[in-house]
Amino acid sequence: MGNRYEEDEMAVGSMPAAAMRRLVESEAARPLLEGFEVSPTSYAGAWWYVPSGADDDADYVAAGPELSADFDRLRARADHIDAFLAEPGPSDG
């Protein structure tokens, strides 16, 4: 099996990039990396991503279970970092 970030063999379904942008703009979908044009994105209980090496306007594909678990772990880390950064520091109090 190749690099799972390039191609997830369990992926099913696709979504045009323009449709995903509209979902992100409406806050119905949440990208893993806020502020990036193309990023793994959580929508409707599933992770969607643009395969590595594809054009920025390529369709998003649904991630399979293994890749979804990786994205879930990364999301948890990012949320933890965001919570830490939101805490007042010594100079804030």
PDB file of N, CA and C in Angstrom:
ATOM      1  N   MET A   1       0.847  -1.183   0.000  1.00  0.00           N
ATOM      2  CA  MET A   1       0.000   0.000   0.000  1.00  0.00           C
ATOM      3  C   MET A   1       0.885   1.236   0.000  1.00  0.00           C
ATOM      4  N   GLY A   2       0.534   2.237  -0.754  1.00  0.00           N
ATOM      5  CA  GLY A   2       1.298   3.482  -0.844  1.00  0.00           C
ATOM      6  C   GLY A   2       1.025   4.383   0.341  1.00  0.00           C
ATOM      7  N   ASN A   3       1.519   5.589   0.246  1.00  0.00           N
ATOM      8  CA  ASN A   3       1.317   6.593   1.288  1.00  0.00           C
ATOM      9  C   ASN A   3      -0.173   6.888   1.396  1.00  0.00           C
ATOM     10  N   ARG A   4      -0.751   6.660   2.593  1.00  0.00           N
ATOM     11  CA  ARG A   4      -2.201   6.808   2.732  1.00  0.00           C
ATOM     12  C   ARG A   4      -2.665   8.244   2.590  1.00  0.00           C
ATOM     13  N   TYR A   5      -1.743   9.213   2.678  1.00  0.00           N
ATOM     14  CA  TYR A   5      -2.125  10.608   2.479  1.00  0.00           C
ATOM     15  C   TYR A   5      -2.220  10.933   0.991  1.00  0.00           C
ATOM     16  N   GLU A   6      -1.621  10.113   0.170  1.00  0.00           N
ATOM     17  CA  GLU A   6      -1.719  10.313  -1.276  1.00  0.00           C
ATOM     18  C   GLU A   6      -2.982   9.678  -1.820  1.00  0.00           C
ATOM     19  N   GLU A   7      -3.314   8.513  -1.262  1.00  0.00           N
ATOM     20  CA  GLU A   7      -4.475   7.796  -1.781  1.00  0.00           C
ATOM     21  C   GLU A   7      -4.980   6.866  -0.698  1.00  0.00           C
ATOM     22  N   ASP A   8      -6.161   7.073  -0.226  1.00  0.00           N
ATOM     23  CA  ASP A   8      -6.759   6.227   0.786  1.00  0.00           C
ATOM     24  C   ASP A   8      -7.621   5.208   0.057  1.00  0.00           C
ATOM     25  N   GLU A   9      -7.190   3.955   0.072  1.00  0.00           N
ATOM     26  CA  GLU A   9      -7.885   2.925  -0.686  1.00  0.00           C
ATOM     27  C   GLU A   9      -9.326   2.719  -0.231  1.00  0.00           C
ATOM     28  N   MET A  10      -9.636   3.131   1.002  1.00  0.00           N
ATOM     29  CA  MET A  10     -10.978   2.946   1.524  1.00  0.00           C
ATOM     30  C   MET A  10     -11.879   4.145   1.247  1.00  0.00           C
ATOM     31  N   ALA A  11     -11.337   5.185   0.624  1.00  0.00           N
ATOM     32  CA  ALA A  11     -12.122   6.399   0.388  1.00  0.00           C
ATOM     33  C   ALA A  11     -13.273   6.113  -0.569  1.00  0.00           C
ATOM     34  N   VAL A  12     -14.417   6.675  -0.256  1.00  0.00           N
ATOM     35  CA  VAL A  12     -15.578   6.541  -1.129  1.00  0.00           C
ATOM     36  C   VAL A  12     -16.223   7.904  -1.274  1.00  0.00           C
ATOM     37  N   GLY A  13     -16.634   8.225  -2.466  1.00  0.00           N
ATOM     38  CA  GLY A  13     -17.316   9.488  -2.677  1.00  0.00           C
ATOM     39  C   GLY A  13     -16.367  10.635  -2.917  1.00  0.00           C
ATOM     40  N   SER A  14     -16.892  11.658  -3.531  1.00  0.00           N
ATOM     41  CA  SER A  14     -16.111  12.866  -3.780  1.00  0.00           C
ATOM     42  C   SER A  14     -17.043  14.069  -3.717  1.00  0.00           C
ATOM     43  N   MET A  15     -16.419  15.236  -3.548  1.00  0.00           N
ATOM     44  CA  MET A  15     -17.171  16.484  -3.469  1.00  0.00           C
ATOM     45  C   MET A  15     -16.358  17.567  -4.162  1.00  0.00           C
ATOM     46  N   PRO A  16     -16.969  18.344  -5.046  1.00  0.00           N
ATOM     47  CA  PRO A  16     -16.232  19.426  -5.703  1.00  0.00           C
ATOM     48  C   PRO A  16     -15.671  20.414  -4.679  1.00  0.00           C
ATOM     49  N   ALA A  17     -14.487  20.936  -4.956  1.00  0.00           N
ATOM     50  CA  ALA A  17     -13.830  21.883  -4.051  1.00  0.00           C
ATOM     51  C   ALA A  17     -14.714  23.109  -3.796  1.00  0.00           C
ATOM     52  N   ALA A  18     -15.420  23.580  -4.808  1.00  0.00           N
ATOM     53  CA  ALA A  18     -16.289  24.760  -4.642  1.00  0.00           C
ATOM     54  C   ALA A  18     -17.403  24.470  -3.637  1.00  0.00           C
ATOM     55  N   ALA A  19     -17.946  23.267  -3.661  1.00  0.00           N
ATOM     56  CA  ALA A  19     -18.999  22.900  -2.706  1.00  0.00           C
ATOM     57  C   ALA A  19     -18.437  22.857  -1.291  1.00  0.00           C
ATOM     58  N   MET A  20     -17.212  22.324  -1.141  1.00  0.00           N
ATOM     59  CA  MET A  20     -16.601  22.275   0.188  1.00  0.00           C
ATOM     60  C   MET A  20     -16.315  23.690   0.692  1.00  0.00           C
ATOM     61  N   ARG A  21     -15.854  24.581  -0.199  1.00  0.00           N
ATOM     62  CA  ARG A  21     -15.618  25.978   0.219  1.00  0.00           C
ATOM     63  C   ARG A  21     -16.897  26.617   0.740  1.00  0.00           C
ATOM     64  N   ARG A  22     -18.012  26.374   0.060  1.00  0.00           N
ATOM     65  CA  ARG A  22     -19.289  26.932   0.504  1.00  0.00           C
ATOM     66  C   ARG A  22     -19.680  26.373   1.882  1.00  0.00           C
ATOM     67  N   LEU A  23     -19.439  25.092   2.099  1.00  0.00           N
ATOM     68  CA  LEU A  23     -19.753  24.486   3.397  1.00  0.00           C
ATOM     69  C   LEU A  23     -18.886  25.070   4.504  1.00  0.00           C
ATOM     70  N   VAL A  24     -17.605  25.316   4.212  1.00  0.00           N
ATOM     71  CA  VAL A  24     -16.711  25.917   5.198  1.00  0.00           C
ATOM     72  C   VAL A  24     -17.153  27.351   5.482  1.00  0.00           C
ATOM     73  N   GLU A  25     -17.459  28.109   4.427  1.00  0.00           N
ATOM     74  CA  GLU A  25     -17.896  29.498   4.600  1.00  0.00           C
ATOM     75  C   GLU A  25     -19.177  29.587   5.431  1.00  0.00           C
ATOM     76  N   SER A  26     -20.059  28.612   5.287  1.00  0.00           N
ATOM     77  CA  SER A  26     -21.316  28.603   6.047  1.00  0.00           C
ATOM     78  C   SER A  26     -21.133  27.991   7.433  1.00  0.00           C
ATOM     79  N   GLU A  27     -19.925  27.535   7.719  1.00  0.00           N
ATOM     80  CA  GLU A  27     -19.561  26.890   8.984  1.00  0.00           C
ATOM     81  C   GLU A  27     -20.248  25.544   9.189  1.00  0.00           C
ATOM     82  N   ALA A  28     -20.759  24.952   8.108  1.00  0.00           N
ATOM     83  CA  ALA A  28     -21.308  23.598   8.180  1.00  0.00           C
ATOM     84  C   ALA A  28     -20.178  22.570   8.186  1.00  0.00           C
ATOM     85  N   ALA A  29     -19.019  22.951   7.659  1.00  0.00           N
ATOM     86  CA  ALA A  29     -17.834  22.097   7.637  1.00  0.00           C
ATOM     87  C   ALA A  29     -16.704  22.831   8.344  1.00  0.00           C
ATOM     88  N   ARG A  30     -15.805  22.060   8.948  1.00  0.00           N
ATOM     89  CA  ARG A  30     -14.698  22.665   9.697  1.00  0.00           C
ATOM     90  C   ARG A  30     -13.367  22.104   9.196  1.00  0.00           C
ATOM     91  N   PRO A  31     -12.515  22.973   8.642  1.00  0.00           N
ATOM     92  CA  PRO A  31     -11.205  22.493   8.184  1.00  0.00           C
ATOM     93  C   PRO A  31     -10.287  22.179   9.367  1.00  0.00           C
ATOM     94  N   LEU A  32      -9.412  21.227   9.170  1.00  0.00           N
ATOM     95  CA  LEU A  32      -8.435  20.878  10.196  1.00  0.00           C
ATOM     96  C   LEU A  32      -7.505  22.054  10.442  1.00  0.00           C
ATOM     97  N   LEU A  33      -7.084  22.715   9.386  1.00  0.00           N
ATOM     98  CA  LEU A  33      -6.164  23.850   9.480  1.00  0.00           C
ATOM     99  C   LEU A  33      -6.907  25.118   9.086  1.00  0.00           C
ATOM    100  N   GLU A  34      -7.367  25.847  10.071  1.00  0.00           N
ATOM    101  CA  GLU A  34      -8.103  27.084   9.812  1.00  0.00           C
ATOM    102  C   GLU A  34      -7.248  28.047   8.993  1.00  0.00           C
ATOM    103  N   GLY A  35      -7.857  28.706   8.027  1.00  0.00           N
ATOM    104  CA  GLY A  35      -7.156  29.703   7.230  1.00  0.00           C
ATOM    105  C   GLY A  35      -6.440  29.156   6.008  1.00  0.00           C
ATOM    106  N   PHE A  36      -6.451  27.852   5.818  1.00  0.00           N
ATOM    107  CA  PHE A  36      -5.818  27.279   4.628  1.00  0.00           C
ATOM    108  C   PHE A  36      -6.895  26.998   3.597  1.00  0.00           C
ATOM    109  N   GLU A  37      -6.580  27.268   2.356  1.00  0.00           N
ATOM    110  CA  GLU A  37      -7.551  27.074   1.276  1.00  0.00           C
ATOM    111  C   GLU A  37      -7.891  25.587   1.107  1.00  0.00           C
ATOM    112  N   VAL A  38      -6.886  24.733   1.149  1.00  0.00           N
ATOM    113  CA  VAL A  38      -7.098  23.304   0.970  1.00  0.00           C
ATOM    114  C   VAL A  38      -6.587  22.602   2.222  1.00  0.00           C
ATOM    115  N   SER A  39      -7.459  21.922   2.917  1.00  0.00           N
ATOM    116  CA  SER A  39      -7.107  21.262   4.172  1.00  0.00           C
ATOM    117  C   SER A  39      -8.076  20.115   4.398  1.00  0.00           C
ATOM    118  N   PRO A  40      -7.633  19.049   5.083  1.00  0.00           N
ATOM    119  CA  PRO A  40      -8.619  18.041   5.476  1.00  0.00           C
ATOM    120  C   PRO A  40      -9.762  18.742   6.213  1.00  0.00           C
ATOM    121  N   THR A  41     -10.984  18.345   5.900  1.00  0.00           N
ATOM    122  CA  THR A  41     -12.154  19.047   6.414  1.00  0.00           C
ATOM    123  C   THR A  41     -13.177  18.058   6.948  1.00  0.00           C
ATOM    124  N   SER A  42     -13.704  18.378   8.123  1.00  0.00           N
ATOM    125  CA  SER A  42     -14.733  17.546   8.742  1.00  0.00           C
ATOM    126  C   SER A  42     -16.104  18.068   8.310  1.00  0.00           C
ATOM    127  N   TYR A  43     -16.917  17.162   7.772  1.00  0.00           N
ATOM    128  CA  TYR A  43     -18.263  17.530   7.348  1.00  0.00           C
ATOM    129  C   TYR A  43     -19.179  16.312   7.481  1.00  0.00           C
ATOM    130  N   ALA A  44     -20.317  16.499   8.104  1.00  0.00           N
ATOM    131  CA  ALA A  44     -21.347  15.459   8.220  1.00  0.00           C
ATOM    132  C   ALA A  44     -20.794  14.175   8.841  1.00  0.00           C
ATOM    133  N   GLY A  45     -19.936  14.331   9.848  1.00  0.00           N
ATOM    134  CA  GLY A  45     -19.409  13.169  10.553  1.00  0.00           C
ATOM    135  C   GLY A  45     -18.314  12.415   9.832  1.00  0.00           C
ATOM    136  N   ALA A  46     -17.795  12.999   8.753  1.00  0.00           N
ATOM    137  CA  ALA A  46     -16.735  12.343   7.985  1.00  0.00           C
ATOM    138  C   ALA A  46     -15.623  13.339   7.679  1.00  0.00           C
ATOM    139  N   TRP A  47     -14.447  12.817   7.408  1.00  0.00           N
ATOM    140  CA  TRP A  47     -13.318  13.650   6.973  1.00  0.00           C
ATOM    141  C   TRP A  47     -13.209  13.595   5.460  1.00  0.00           C
ATOM    142  N   TRP A  48     -12.942  14.752   4.879  1.00  0.00           N
ATOM    143  CA  TRP A  48     -12.765  14.901   3.437  1.00  0.00           C
ATOM    144  C   TRP A  48     -11.416  15.564   3.204  1.00  0.00           C
ATOM    145  N   TYR A  49     -10.721  15.190   2.143  1.00  0.00           N
ATOM    146  CA  TYR A  49      -9.399  15.752   1.866  1.00  0.00           C
ATOM    147  C   TYR A  49      -9.127  15.744   0.365  1.00  0.00           C
ATOM    148  N   VAL A  50      -8.165  16.566  -0.038  1.00  0.00           N
ATOM    149  CA  VAL A  50      -7.691  16.575  -1.423  1.00  0.00           C
ATOM    150  C   VAL A  50      -6.414  15.750  -1.429  1.00  0.00           C
ATOM    151  N   PRO A  51      -6.362  14.689  -2.221  1.00  0.00           N
ATOM    152  CA  PRO A  51      -5.171  13.835  -2.221  1.00  0.00           C
ATOM    153  C   PRO A  51      -3.890  14.611  -2.543  1.00  0.00           C
ATOM    154  N   SER A  52      -2.811  14.190  -1.929  1.00  0.00           N
ATOM    155  CA  SER A  52      -1.503  14.804  -2.136  1.00  0.00           C
ATOM    156  C   SER A  52      -1.154  14.813  -3.620  1.00  0.00           C
ATOM    157  N   GLY A  53      -0.651  15.935  -4.087  1.00  0.00           N
ATOM    158  CA  GLY A  53      -0.236  16.052  -5.480  1.00  0.00           C
ATOM    159  C   GLY A  53      -1.340  16.500  -6.423  1.00  0.00           C
ATOM    160  N   ALA A  54      -2.578  16.539  -5.926  1.00  0.00           N
ATOM    161  CA  ALA A  54      -3.689  16.968  -6.782  1.00  0.00           C
ATOM    162  C   ALA A  54      -3.704  18.498  -6.857  1.00  0.00           C
ATOM    163  N   ASP A  55      -4.336  19.027  -7.887  1.00  0.00           N
ATOM    164  CA  ASP A  55      -4.501  20.476  -8.019  1.00  0.00           C
ATOM    165  C   ASP A  55      -5.336  20.999  -6.851  1.00  0.00           C
ATOM    166  N   ASP A  56      -5.140  22.274  -6.493  1.00  0.00           N
ATOM    167  CA  ASP A  56      -5.900  22.883  -5.402  1.00  0.00           C
ATOM    168  C   ASP A  56      -7.402  22.855  -5.648  1.00  0.00           C
ATOM    169  N   ASP A  57      -7.827  22.846  -6.908  1.00  0.00           N
ATOM    170  CA  ASP A  57      -9.257  22.830  -7.200  1.00  0.00           C
ATOM    171  C   ASP A  57      -9.783  21.417  -7.462  1.00  0.00           C
ATOM    172  N   ALA A  58      -8.967  20.398  -7.121  1.00  0.00           N
ATOM    173  CA  ALA A  58      -9.403  19.014  -7.297  1.00  0.00           C
ATOM    174  C   ALA A  58     -10.528  18.708  -6.310  1.00  0.00           C
ATOM    175  N   ASP A  59     -11.311  17.706  -6.636  1.00  0.00           N
ATOM    176  CA  ASP A  59     -12.389  17.292  -5.745  1.00  0.00           C
ATOM    177  C   ASP A  59     -11.834  16.779  -4.422  1.00  0.00           C
ATOM    178  N   TYR A  60     -12.590  17.006  -3.362  1.00  0.00           N
ATOM    179  CA  TYR A  60     -12.307  16.386  -2.068  1.00  0.00           C
ATOM    180  C   TYR A  60     -12.817  14.951  -2.139  1.00  0.00           C
ATOM    181  N   VAL A  61     -12.142  14.038  -1.457  1.00  0.00           N
ATOM    182  CA  VAL A  61     -12.590  12.657  -1.376  1.00  0.00           C
ATOM    183  C   VAL A  61     -12.795  12.306   0.092  1.00  0.00           C
ATOM    184  N   ALA A  62     -13.711  11.405   0.346  1.00  0.00           N
ATOM    185  CA  ALA A  62     -13.974  10.962   1.711  1.00  0.00           C
ATOM    186  C   ALA A  62     -12.833  10.071   2.176  1.00  0.00           C
ATOM    187  N   ALA A  63     -12.368  10.305   3.395  1.00  0.00           N
ATOM    188  CA  ALA A  63     -11.283   9.508   3.961  1.00  0.00           C
ATOM    189  C   ALA A  63     -11.827   8.193   4.503  1.00  0.00           C
ATOM    190  N   GLY A  64     -11.033   7.164   4.375  1.00  0.00           N
ATOM    191  CA  GLY A  64     -11.379   5.869   4.948  1.00  0.00           C
ATOM    192  C   GLY A  64     -11.102   5.859   6.445  1.00  0.00           C
ATOM    193  N   PRO A  65     -11.358   4.739   7.100  1.00  0.00           N
ATOM    194  CA  PRO A  65     -11.247   4.667   8.556  1.00  0.00           C
ATOM    195  C   PRO A  65      -9.858   4.983   9.115  1.00  0.00           C
ATOM    196  N   GLU A  66      -8.810   4.474   8.508  1.00  0.00           N
ATOM    197  CA  GLU A  66      -7.462   4.699   9.033  1.00  0.00           C
ATOM    198  C   GLU A  66      -7.064   6.166   8.930  1.00  0.00           C
ATOM    199  N   LEU A  67      -7.300   6.755   7.795  1.00  0.00           N
ATOM    200  CA  LEU A  67      -6.964   8.163   7.597  1.00  0.00           C
ATOM    201  C   LEU A  67      -7.857   9.059   8.461  1.00  0.00           C
ATOM    202  N   SER A  68      -9.125   8.700   8.602  1.00  0.00           N
ATOM    203  CA  SER A  68     -10.026   9.458   9.471  1.00  0.00           C
ATOM    204  C   SER A  68      -9.525   9.446  10.913  1.00  0.00           C
ATOM    205  N   ALA A  69      -9.016   8.312  11.368  1.00  0.00           N
ATOM    206  CA  ALA A  69      -8.468   8.225  12.728  1.00  0.00           C
ATOM    207  C   ALA A  69      -7.264   9.152  12.875  1.00  0.00           C
ATOM    208  N   ASP A  70      -6.419   9.214  11.845  1.00  0.00           N
ATOM    209  CA  ASP A  70      -5.280  10.144  11.872  1.00  0.00           C
ATOM    210  C   ASP A  70      -5.763  11.586  11.974  1.00  0.00           C
ATOM    211  N   PHE A  71      -6.768  11.945  11.179  1.00  0.00           N
ATOM    212  CA  PHE A  71      -7.298  13.311  11.209  1.00  0.00           C
ATOM    213  C   PHE A  71      -7.943  13.608  12.564  1.00  0.00           C
ATOM    214  N   ASP A  72      -8.626  12.623  13.148  1.00  0.00           N
ATOM    215  CA  ASP A  72      -9.217  12.822  14.478  1.00  0.00           C
ATOM    216  C   ASP A  72      -8.138  13.125  15.518  1.00  0.00           C
ATOM    217  N   ARG A  73      -7.025  12.390  15.468  1.00  0.00           N
ATOM    218  CA  ARG A  73      -5.920  12.642  16.406  1.00  0.00           C
ATOM    219  C   ARG A  73      -5.336  14.036  16.190  1.00  0.00           C
ATOM    220  N   LEU A  74      -5.161  14.435  14.939  1.00  0.00           N
ATOM    221  CA  LEU A  74      -4.630  15.769  14.655  1.00  0.00           C
ATOM    222  C   LEU A  74      -5.595  16.860  15.119  1.00  0.00           C
ATOM    223  N   ARG A  75      -6.895  16.643  14.930  1.00  0.00           N
ATOM    224  CA  ARG A  75      -7.908  17.601  15.384  1.00  0.00           C
ATOM    225  C   ARG A  75      -7.831  17.750  16.906  1.00  0.00           C
ATOM    226  N   ALA A  76      -7.702  16.635  17.627  1.00  0.00           N
ATOM    227  CA  ALA A  76      -7.621  16.689  19.086  1.00  0.00           C
ATOM    228  C   ALA A  76      -6.393  17.477  19.524  1.00  0.00           C
ATOM    229  N   ARG A  77      -5.278  17.272  18.860  1.00  0.00           N
ATOM    230  CA  ARG A  77      -4.058  18.026  19.181  1.00  0.00           C
ATOM    231  C   ARG A  77      -4.248  19.510  18.902  1.00  0.00           C
ATOM    232  N   ALA A  78      -4.818  19.836  17.749  1.00  0.00           N
ATOM    233  CA  ALA A  78      -5.032  21.245  17.390  1.00  0.00           C
ATOM    234  C   ALA A  78      -5.977  21.912  18.385  1.00  0.00           C
ATOM    235  N   ASP A  79      -7.026  21.209  18.799  1.00  0.00           N
ATOM    236  CA  ASP A  79      -7.962  21.771  19.784  1.00  0.00           C
ATOM    237  C   ASP A  79      -7.259  21.998  21.120  1.00  0.00           C
ATOM    238  N   HIS A  80      -6.402  21.065  21.507  1.00  0.00           N
ATOM    239  CA  HIS A  80      -5.653  21.204  22.758  1.00  0.00           C
ATOM    240  C   HIS A  80      -4.733  22.430  22.702  1.00  0.00           C
ATOM    241  N   ILE A  81      -4.057  22.608  21.594  1.00  0.00           N
ATOM    242  CA  ILE A  81      -3.168  23.767  21.424  1.00  0.00           C
ATOM    243  C   ILE A  81      -3.976  25.064  21.450  1.00  0.00           C
ATOM    244  N   ASP A  82      -5.115  25.085  20.755  1.00  0.00           N
ATOM    245  CA  ASP A  82      -5.963  26.285  20.750  1.00  0.00           C
ATOM    246  C   ASP A  82      -6.428  26.632  22.166  1.00  0.00           C
ATOM    247  N   ALA A  83      -6.799  25.609  22.945  1.00  0.00           N
ATOM    248  CA  ALA A  83      -7.253  25.851  24.322  1.00  0.00           C
ATOM    249  C   ALA A  83      -6.119  26.399  25.177  1.00  0.00           C
ATOM    250  N   PHE A  84      -4.924  25.857  25.000  1.00  0.00           N
ATOM    251  CA  PHE A  84      -3.765  26.331  25.746  1.00  0.00           C
ATOM    252  C   PHE A  84      -3.460  27.784  25.397  1.00  0.00           C
ATOM    253  N   LEU A  85      -3.487  28.111  24.117  1.00  0.00           N
ATOM    254  CA  LEU A  85      -3.188  29.479  23.672  1.00  0.00           C
ATOM    255  C   LEU A  85      -4.251  30.470  24.135  1.00  0.00           C
ATOM    256  N   ALA A  86      -5.463  30.000  24.362  1.00  0.00           N
ATOM    257  CA  ALA A  86      -6.543  30.886  24.808  1.00  0.00           C
ATOM    258  C   ALA A  86      -6.457  31.193  26.295  1.00  0.00           C
ATOM    259  N   GLU A  87      -5.674  30.409  27.041  1.00  0.00           N
ATOM    260  CA  GLU A  87      -5.529  30.661  28.484  1.00  0.00           C
ATOM    261  C   GLU A  87      -4.730  31.918  28.700  1.00  0.00           C
ATOM    262  N   PRO A  88      -5.113  32.694  29.721  1.00  0.00           N
ATOM    263  CA  PRO A  88      -4.329  33.913  30.014  1.00  0.00           C
ATOM    264  C   PRO A  88      -2.936  33.543  30.504  1.00  0.00           C
ATOM    265  N   GLY A  89      -1.959  34.266  30.007  1.00  0.00           N
ATOM    266  CA  GLY A  89      -0.577  34.053  30.416  1.00  0.00           C
ATOM    267  C   GLY A  89      -0.237  34.909  31.619  1.00  0.00           C
ATOM    268  N   PRO A  90       0.998  34.778  32.132  1.00  0.00           N
ATOM    269  CA  PRO A  90       1.411  35.554  33.307  1.00  0.00           C
ATOM    270  C   PRO A  90       1.292  37.063  33.104  1.00  0.00           C
ATOM    271  N   SER A  91       1.529  37.536  31.898  1.00  0.00           N
ATOM    272  CA  SER A  91       1.456  38.982  31.653  1.00  0.00           C
ATOM    273  C   SER A  91       0.024  39.457  31.386  1.00  0.00           C
ATOM    274  N   ASP A  92      -0.920  38.490  31.218  1.00  0.00           N
ATOM    275  CA  ASP A  92      -2.315  38.855  30.944  1.00  0.00           C
ATOM    276  C   ASP A  92      -3.111  39.106  32.223  1.00  0.00           C
ATOM    277  N   GLY A  93      -2.600  38.685  33.362  1.00  0.00           N
ATOM    278  CA  GLY A  93      -3.408  38.737  34.555  1.00  0.00           C
ATOM    279  C   GLY A  93      -2.961  39.741  35.504  1.00  0.00           C
TER     280      GLY A  93
END
